[in-house]
Amino acid sequence: MSNHQKRLSVPKSWPVERKEETFTVKAGAGPHGESGVPLLIVLRDVLGYVDNRKEARYALNQDSVLINGKAVSDEERPVGMFDIVAFLEREEYYRVFPDEGGRLTLTPIDEDSADSKLGKIENKQYVPGGNVQLTLHDGQTLLVDEDSSYSGGDSLVVGNQDDEIVAHFEYEEGALVTAVAGSHAGQIGTIDEIQVTSGSSSNNVLVGQDGGDGFETVEEYVVVIDENFTDDSDGGESADESEPTADDETDESEPTAGDETDEDESTAGDETDEDETSEAEGDE
């Protein structure tokens, strides 16, 4: 199976330029479903820390890049909404957050904030043993007591090392929320009203904003957040604001380690060798 994907077909949430090149890397198996962005794109296109796949693999093999507190070695590992990305050697920490265009961006946070992540409860079911299993938006599952007060639509802050629930935000009128999809993605406000609809139709949510008109969206598009998110969500990095990558450098730039070891490796698409590039061209 090809590890390429045409840029024009990637989800709108991916922080890539669709018309610069034909192909980009395809996300591997993992959390977040189709919306997950391959870690290679974060390292190369968003942050500009590597120029190609080989450099990304080398960096990941140092065990200094963490997602949600765990070292990652797969450059195709999907990164998605509310994930915590940490670079230990650089002492940099980011939360993945949607901007007002719906594209995922990296919002700088402090080291303490990187110890836990936010998750929206997507499903709640009873399991043998008298427990309840909660499934979060990224697929993570948690076992809680049967008499717990958690409900679908609520948000939890979960410790990255021990999976302990450290905070609970109820989905209710008056809650602070952000839209994560739709035409209002990235906007933050307070729930004024939850309009329950009959049948299988999605409930509507009316969100008020200080100094703004507010907006209306469907229930699935909003996530209850901590008030600290309103401060953290400013100044995130997107592909347009990242450091220059190899595609932007001139011919006079010094070669990288990856270029010295493999002169045939491409840095325009997803940095594959000639065989992989031929395979991608065949997919056209």
Protein backbone atom coordinates (compact mmCIF):
# COMPACT_ATOMS: atom_id res chain seq x y z
CA MET A 1 0.00 0.00 0.00
CA SER A 2 1.30 3.46 -0.87
CA ASN A 3 2.37 5.73 1.97
CA HIS A 4 1.52 8.78 -0.14
CA GLN A 5 -1.60 10.92 -0.21
CA LYS A 6 -2.47 13.66 -2.65
CA ARG A 7 -2.35 17.04 -0.97
CA LEU A 8 -5.60 18.14 -2.58
CA SER A 9 -7.44 15.29 -0.84
CA VAL A 10 -6.16 15.76 2.71
CA PRO A 11 -8.65 16.87 5.41
CA LYS A 12 -9.14 20.61 5.83
CA SER A 13 -7.73 20.37 9.34
CA TRP A 14 -4.26 19.44 8.04
CA PRO A 15 -1.80 22.37 8.18
CA VAL A 16 -0.33 21.84 4.70
CA GLU A 17 -0.27 23.87 1.52
CA ARG A 18 -2.30 21.89 -1.00
CA LYS A 19 -0.95 23.35 -4.23
CA GLU A 20 2.81 23.44 -3.56
CA GLU A 21 3.41 19.76 -4.32
CA THR A 22 1.31 16.85 -5.54
CA PHE A 23 1.84 14.37 -2.71
CA THR A 24 2.39 14.34 1.03
CA VAL A 25 2.81 11.63 3.65
CA LYS A 26 -0.20 9.56 4.64
CA ALA A 27 -1.10 9.23 8.32
CA GLY A 28 -0.47 5.83 9.83
CA ALA A 29 -2.77 3.83 12.06
CA GLY A 30 -3.56 5.46 15.38
CA PRO A 31 -5.84 7.88 17.20
CA HIS A 32 -8.01 10.66 15.77
CA GLY A 33 -9.19 8.80 12.66
CA GLU A 34 -8.94 10.61 9.35
CA SER A 35 -8.37 13.99 10.98
CA GLY A 36 -5.03 12.95 12.51
CA VAL A 37 -2.01 14.73 11.03
CA PRO A 38 1.19 12.68 10.51
CA LEU A 39 3.92 13.71 12.95
CA LEU A 40 6.28 14.23 9.99
CA ILE A 41 4.11 17.13 8.81
CA VAL A 42 4.28 18.71 12.27
CA LEU A 43 8.06 18.39 12.41
CA ARG A 44 8.73 19.47 8.83
CA ASP A 45 5.92 21.69 7.52
CA VAL A 46 4.73 23.34 10.73
CA LEU A 47 7.82 23.70 12.92
CA GLY A 48 10.58 23.35 10.34
CA TYR A 49 12.69 21.25 12.71
CA VAL A 50 13.56 18.68 10.01
CA ASP A 51 13.89 18.83 6.25
CA ASN A 52 12.94 15.29 5.34
CA ARG A 53 11.73 11.91 6.52
CA LYS A 54 15.23 10.62 7.28
CA GLU A 55 15.97 13.52 9.61
CA ALA A 56 12.59 13.00 11.30
CA ARG A 57 13.38 9.33 11.93
CA TYR A 58 16.76 10.24 13.39
CA ALA A 59 15.20 12.82 15.72
CA LEU A 60 12.49 10.42 16.88
CA ASN A 61 15.05 7.69 17.60
CA GLN A 62 16.52 9.93 20.30
CA ASP A 63 13.34 9.46 22.39
CA SER A 64 13.14 13.23 22.91
CA VAL A 65 9.80 13.80 21.14
CA LEU A 66 6.75 12.93 23.24
CA ILE A 67 3.05 12.87 22.43
CA ASN A 68 0.85 12.84 25.50
CA GLY A 69 3.82 11.94 27.67
CA LYS A 70 4.98 8.95 25.62
CA ALA A 71 8.03 8.77 23.35
CA VAL A 72 7.15 8.36 19.66
CA SER A 73 9.33 6.64 17.05
CA ASP A 74 6.91 6.54 14.10
CA GLU A 75 6.97 9.66 11.92
CA GLU A 76 3.55 8.73 10.51
CA ARG A 77 1.91 8.61 13.94
CA PRO A 78 -1.27 10.76 13.80
CA VAL A 79 -1.35 13.94 15.88
CA GLY A 80 -4.75 15.46 16.56
CA MET A 81 -6.93 17.82 18.53
CA PHE A 82 -5.78 18.54 22.11
CA ASP A 83 -2.73 16.27 21.88
CA ILE A 84 0.31 17.45 23.86
CA VAL A 85 3.55 17.48 21.84
CA ALA A 86 6.77 17.88 23.84
CA PHE A 87 10.36 18.39 22.65
CA LEU A 88 12.51 17.56 25.66
CA GLU A 89 15.86 18.75 24.30
CA ARG A 90 14.39 22.09 23.27
CA GLU A 91 12.23 22.32 26.40
CA GLU A 92 9.26 23.20 24.20
CA TYR A 93 5.68 22.09 24.80
CA TYR A 94 2.63 22.51 22.58
CA ARG A 95 -1.08 21.76 22.63
CA VAL A 96 -2.77 20.97 19.31
CA PHE A 97 -5.68 23.37 18.88
CA PRO A 98 -7.87 24.35 15.91
CA ASP A 99 -7.49 27.87 14.53
CA GLU A 100 -10.39 29.93 13.21
CA GLY A 101 -9.99 28.34 9.81
CA GLY A 102 -10.33 24.86 11.27
CA ARG A 103 -6.68 23.94 10.69
CA LEU A 104 -4.79 22.34 13.54
CA THR A 105 -2.11 24.57 15.05
CA LEU A 106 0.45 24.19 17.82
CA THR A 107 -0.19 26.42 20.83
CA PRO A 108 2.81 26.90 23.17
CA ILE A 109 2.15 25.86 26.78
CA ASP A 110 4.28 25.50 29.90
CA GLU A 111 5.77 22.27 31.20
CA ASP A 112 3.16 21.84 33.93
CA SER A 113 0.30 22.10 31.41
CA ALA A 114 2.00 19.41 29.32
CA ASP A 115 1.43 16.83 32.06
CA SER A 116 -2.22 16.33 31.08
CA LYS A 117 -4.53 16.59 28.09
CA LEU A 118 -8.17 17.39 27.45
CA GLY A 119 -10.58 14.80 26.10
CA LYS A 120 -14.26 14.96 25.13
CA ILE A 121 -16.41 12.01 26.19
CA GLU A 122 -17.81 10.51 22.99
CA ASN A 123 -19.27 7.31 24.43
CA LYS A 124 -20.22 5.83 27.80
CA GLN A 125 -21.04 2.17 28.33
CA TYR A 126 -21.28 -0.32 31.16
CA VAL A 127 -18.74 -3.15 31.27
CA PRO A 128 -18.49 -6.32 33.40
CA GLY A 129 -17.25 -5.75 36.92
CA GLY A 130 -19.54 -2.89 37.81
CA ASN A 131 -17.53 -0.25 36.00
CA VAL A 132 -18.28 2.24 33.28
CA GLN A 133 -16.03 2.68 30.25
CA LEU A 134 -15.63 6.17 28.82
CA THR A 135 -14.35 6.65 25.29
CA LEU A 136 -12.76 10.00 24.50
CA HIS A 137 -12.63 11.79 21.16
CA ASP A 138 -9.17 10.38 20.36
CA GLY A 139 -10.14 6.79 21.14
CA GLN A 140 -8.65 6.66 24.63
CA THR A 141 -10.73 4.60 27.07
CA LEU A 142 -11.06 5.09 30.82
CA LEU A 143 -12.70 2.91 33.47
CA VAL A 144 -14.65 4.78 36.15
CA ASP A 145 -17.05 3.85 38.93
CA GLU A 146 -20.61 3.04 37.99
CA ASP A 147 -21.94 5.90 40.12
CA SER A 148 -19.66 8.50 38.53
CA SER A 149 -21.26 11.70 37.26
CA TYR A 150 -19.58 11.76 33.85
CA SER A 151 -21.85 12.13 30.82
CA GLY A 152 -21.46 12.16 27.07
CA GLY A 153 -20.33 15.57 25.86
CA ASP A 154 -18.47 16.36 29.08
CA SER A 155 -14.74 17.04 28.94
CA LEU A 156 -12.06 15.49 31.14
CA VAL A 157 -8.48 16.49 31.85
CA VAL A 158 -6.46 13.26 32.03
CA GLY A 159 -2.92 12.83 33.35
CA ASN A 160 -0.51 11.67 30.66
CA GLN A 161 1.51 9.40 32.93
CA ASP A 162 -1.17 7.71 35.04
CA ASP A 163 -4.42 8.27 33.07
CA GLU A 164 -5.96 9.73 36.22
CA ILE A 165 -8.83 12.19 35.79
CA VAL A 166 -7.67 15.51 37.25
CA ALA A 167 -10.54 17.77 36.15
CA HIS A 168 -14.11 17.45 34.88
CA PHE A 169 -16.03 20.04 32.85
CA GLU A 170 -19.73 19.40 32.32
CA TYR A 171 -21.45 19.97 29.00
CA GLU A 172 -24.22 22.34 30.04
CA GLU A 173 -25.53 25.84 29.51
CA GLY A 174 -23.01 28.34 30.81
CA ALA A 175 -20.01 26.14 29.96
CA LEU A 176 -17.03 27.57 28.09
CA VAL A 177 -16.65 25.82 24.72
CA THR A 178 -14.71 25.97 21.49
CA ALA A 179 -15.95 24.90 18.08
CA VAL A 180 -13.60 22.33 16.55
CA ALA A 181 -15.25 21.90 13.15
CA GLY A 182 -17.64 23.65 10.80
CA SER A 183 -17.65 27.29 9.74
CA HIS A 184 -17.07 28.49 13.31
CA ALA A 185 -14.06 26.26 14.06
CA GLY A 186 -11.61 27.82 16.47
CA GLN A 187 -14.11 30.27 17.95
CA ILE A 188 -14.60 30.30 21.72
CA GLY A 189 -17.66 31.30 23.71
CA THR A 190 -20.16 30.31 26.39
CA ILE A 191 -23.17 28.07 25.80
CA ASP A 192 -26.32 30.19 25.96
CA GLU A 193 -28.74 27.45 25.01
CA ILE A 194 -28.77 23.78 24.04
CA GLN A 195 -31.67 23.17 21.67
CA VAL A 196 -32.70 19.52 21.85
CA THR A 197 -34.12 18.23 18.57
CA SER A 198 -36.32 15.21 18.03
CA GLY A 199 -35.35 12.09 16.16
CA SER A 200 -31.83 11.50 14.90
CA SER A 201 -31.07 15.14 14.15
CA SER A 202 -28.16 16.73 16.01
CA ASN A 203 -28.92 19.10 18.84
CA ASN A 204 -28.17 22.76 18.14
CA VAL A 205 -25.99 24.86 20.42
CA LEU A 206 -26.21 28.65 20.71
CA VAL A 207 -22.89 30.10 21.81
CA GLY A 208 -22.50 33.64 23.10
CA GLN A 209 -19.30 35.68 22.84
CA ASP A 210 -18.19 38.79 24.71
CA GLY A 211 -18.19 41.69 22.28
CA GLY A 212 -19.42 39.46 19.45
CA ASP A 213 -22.59 38.19 17.87
CA GLY A 214 -22.04 34.60 18.96
CA PHE A 215 -22.77 31.66 16.72
CA GLU A 216 -24.91 28.56 16.31
CA THR A 217 -23.54 25.12 15.55
CA VAL A 218 -24.31 21.45 16.11
CA GLU A 219 -23.55 19.65 19.34
CA GLU A 220 -20.87 17.43 17.82
CA TYR A 221 -18.79 20.47 16.85
CA VAL A 222 -18.31 21.93 20.34
CA VAL A 223 -15.96 20.86 23.13
CA VAL A 224 -16.09 22.12 26.70
CA ILE A 225 -12.71 23.62 27.64
CA ASP A 226 -10.86 25.05 30.61
CA GLU A 227 -10.75 28.85 30.84
CA ASN A 228 -6.93 28.62 30.62
CA PHE A 229 -7.38 27.63 26.97
CA THR A 230 -8.47 31.17 26.13
CA ASP A 231 -4.98 32.38 27.04
CA ASP A 232 -3.09 29.46 25.53
CA SER A 233 -4.92 29.61 22.19
CA ASP A 234 -3.20 32.87 21.13
CA GLY A 235 -0.04 32.68 19.08
CA GLY A 236 -0.20 29.14 17.76
CA GLU A 237 2.07 28.00 14.96
CA SER A 238 0.70 26.99 11.58
CA ALA A 239 2.45 25.91 8.40
CA ASP A 240 2.36 29.48 7.09
CA GLU A 241 4.26 30.81 10.13
CA SER A 242 6.77 28.01 10.54
CA GLU A 243 10.50 28.16 10.00
CA PRO A 244 11.64 27.66 6.40
CA THR A 245 11.86 24.05 5.26
CA ALA A 246 14.06 22.56 2.58
CA ASP A 247 11.48 23.51 -0.04
CA ASP A 248 11.99 27.18 0.84
CA GLU A 249 15.80 27.21 0.97
CA THR A 250 18.01 28.28 -1.91
CA ASP A 251 20.65 26.20 -3.65
CA GLU A 252 23.32 28.03 -1.64
CA SER A 253 22.14 26.57 1.68
CA GLU A 254 24.32 24.02 3.42
CA PRO A 255 23.29 20.36 3.00
CA THR A 256 21.69 18.64 5.96
CA ALA A 257 22.76 15.32 7.41
CA GLY A 258 19.92 13.64 5.58
CA ASP A 259 21.04 15.16 2.26
CA GLU A 260 24.65 14.03 2.74
CA THR A 261 23.68 10.44 3.38
CA ASP A 262 21.15 10.13 0.59
CA GLU A 263 21.43 12.61 -2.24
CA ASP A 264 18.55 10.96 -4.10
CA GLU A 265 16.07 11.58 -1.33
CA SER A 266 13.33 14.06 -2.21
CA THR A 267 12.39 16.92 0.11
CA ALA A 268 9.48 18.23 -1.94
CA GLY A 269 6.77 15.73 -1.06
CA ASP A 270 7.15 13.37 1.88
CA GLU A 271 10.89 12.75 1.42
CA THR A 272 10.80 9.22 0.03
CA ASP A 273 13.30 7.41 -2.19
CA GLU A 274 13.04 6.91 -5.95
CA ASP A 275 10.99 3.73 -5.66
CA GLU A 276 8.43 5.39 -3.41
CA THR A 277 8.26 8.44 -5.68
CA SER A 278 7.63 6.22 -8.70
CA GLU A 279 4.87 4.51 -6.78
CA ALA A 280 3.32 7.88 -6.00
CA GLU A 281 3.48 8.95 -9.62
CA GLY A 282 1.76 5.74 -10.57
CA ASP A 283 -1.07 6.64 -8.18
CA GLU A 284 -1.74 9.81 -10.16
